[in-house]
C-alpha cells in the first residue's frame, strides 16, 4: 500500500479524552495538507472514527464549497450512541480521575 498511498492513522489511546472539536482540527489539518499536495483523499473511520469522519465532513460542508475528501468509508460507525444511556453520564464520567477508568 505504501507505494500507491500515503497512509495517515489517528489512533486514540483508551484514556484519551480529547474533545471532538480538537479531533476535528487534527483530521482537517491533515486533509488540508494532503489536498494542498494534490493528493486524492479517502477518509476511513471505524467506530468512534466513523463519527469523527462524519463530523469532519459535516463541518467542512458548512464552511466550504469543496469537500476535503474524495471519498468516505465508514466501518461500524458509533452513530447510535445517542440511543444509549452513556451521553447522560458524559459530564460525570469526564470528571472522574483517570485512575478510575485506566
Protein backbone atom coordinates (compact mmCIF):
# COMPACT_ATOMS: atom_id res chain seq x y z
CA UNK A 1 0.00 0.00 0.00
CA UNK A 2 2.80 2.39 0.85
CA UNK A 3 3.90 2.63 -2.78
CA UNK A 4 0.48 3.73 -4.00
CA UNK A 5 -0.91 5.55 -0.98
CA UNK A 6 0.16 7.98 1.71
CA UNK A 7 -1.38 6.50 4.83
CA UNK A 8 -2.20 8.56 7.90
CA UNK A 9 -3.55 6.98 11.07
CA UNK A 10 -5.12 8.75 14.03
CA UNK A 11 -5.07 6.37 16.95
CA UNK A 12 -6.57 7.33 20.27
CA UNK A 13 -5.42 5.75 23.50
CA UNK A 14 -8.09 4.26 25.74
CA UNK A 15 -7.57 7.06 28.27
CA UNK A 16 -7.54 9.85 25.66
CA UNK A 17 -10.17 12.48 26.48
CA UNK A 18 -9.54 14.84 23.57
CA UNK A 19 -12.64 16.88 22.76
CA UNK A 20 -14.36 16.33 19.38
CA UNK A 21 -13.51 19.84 18.15
CA UNK A 22 -9.81 19.15 18.71
CA UNK A 23 -10.02 15.81 16.89
CA UNK A 24 -11.78 17.53 14.01
CA UNK A 25 -8.98 20.12 13.86
CA UNK A 26 -6.29 17.41 13.69
CA UNK A 27 -8.10 15.48 10.94
CA UNK A 28 -8.94 18.64 8.96
CA UNK A 29 -5.35 19.91 9.09
CA UNK A 30 -4.07 16.60 7.72
CA UNK A 31 -6.72 16.55 4.99
CA UNK A 32 -5.85 20.14 4.02
CA UNK A 33 -2.15 19.26 3.82
CA UNK A 34 -2.88 16.27 1.59
CA UNK A 35 -5.16 18.32 -0.67
CA UNK A 36 -2.51 21.04 -0.94
CA UNK A 37 -0.14 18.39 -2.28
CA UNK A 38 -2.75 17.40 -4.86
CA UNK A 39 -3.38 14.03 -3.26
CA UNK A 40 -6.65 12.14 -3.66
CA UNK A 41 -8.03 11.59 -0.17
CA UNK A 42 -10.17 8.82 1.24
CA UNK A 43 -11.25 9.28 4.84
CA UNK A 44 -11.82 5.98 6.66
CA UNK A 45 -13.43 5.89 10.08
CA UNK A 46 -14.17 2.89 12.27
CA UNK A 47 -16.42 3.09 15.36
CA UNK A 48 -15.72 6.47 17.00
CA UNK A 49 -13.54 7.24 13.99
CA UNK A 50 -16.67 6.95 11.85
CA UNK A 51 -18.32 9.64 13.96
CA UNK A 52 -15.21 11.83 13.66
CA UNK A 53 -15.27 11.31 9.88
CA UNK A 54 -18.95 12.28 9.68
CA UNK A 55 -18.31 15.35 11.86
CA UNK A 56 -15.36 16.40 9.71
CA UNK A 57 -17.40 16.17 6.51
CA UNK A 58 -20.39 17.99 8.03
CA UNK A 59 -18.23 20.83 9.36
CA UNK A 60 -16.47 21.18 6.01
CA UNK A 61 -19.79 21.28 4.18
CA UNK A 62 -20.97 24.09 6.44
CA UNK A 63 -17.88 26.22 5.68
CA UNK A 64 -16.55 25.21 2.30
CA UNK A 65 -17.79 24.75 -1.22
CA UNK A 66 -15.47 21.81 -1.94
CA UNK A 67 -15.28 18.62 0.09
CA UNK A 68 -11.93 17.99 1.80
CA UNK A 69 -12.13 14.33 0.73
CA UNK A 70 -12.82 12.40 -2.43
CA UNK A 71 -14.50 9.51 -0.64
CA UNK A 72 -15.54 8.42 2.84
CA UNK A 73 -15.57 4.87 4.18
CA UNK A 74 -17.46 4.24 7.42
CA UNK A 75 -16.93 0.97 9.26
CA UNK A 76 -19.43 0.31 12.03
CA UNK A 77 -19.69 4.00 12.98
CA UNK A 78 -20.77 4.63 16.57
CA UNK A 79 -23.75 6.67 15.42
CA UNK A 80 -26.27 5.13 17.80
CA UNK A 81 -24.54 6.40 20.94
CA UNK A 82 -27.46 8.79 21.46
CA UNK A 83 -29.77 5.82 21.87
CA UNK A 84 -27.74 4.58 24.83
CA UNK A 85 -27.61 5.93 28.39
CA UNK A 86 -23.94 6.97 28.05
CA UNK A 87 -24.47 10.57 26.85
CA UNK A 88 -26.39 11.37 30.05
CA UNK A 89 -23.32 10.41 32.06
CA UNK A 90 -20.72 12.21 29.94
CA UNK A 91 -20.10 15.10 32.34
CA UNK A 92 -19.86 12.78 35.33
CA UNK A 93 -17.54 10.36 33.53
CA UNK A 94 -15.26 13.14 32.28
CA UNK A 95 -14.92 14.46 35.84
CA UNK A 96 -13.69 11.12 37.20
CA UNK A 97 -9.98 10.86 37.97
CA UNK A 98 -8.08 8.89 35.33
CA UNK A 99 -7.13 6.12 37.74
CA UNK A 100 -10.80 5.13 37.91
CA UNK A 101 -11.02 4.08 34.26
CA UNK A 102 -7.45 3.20 33.34
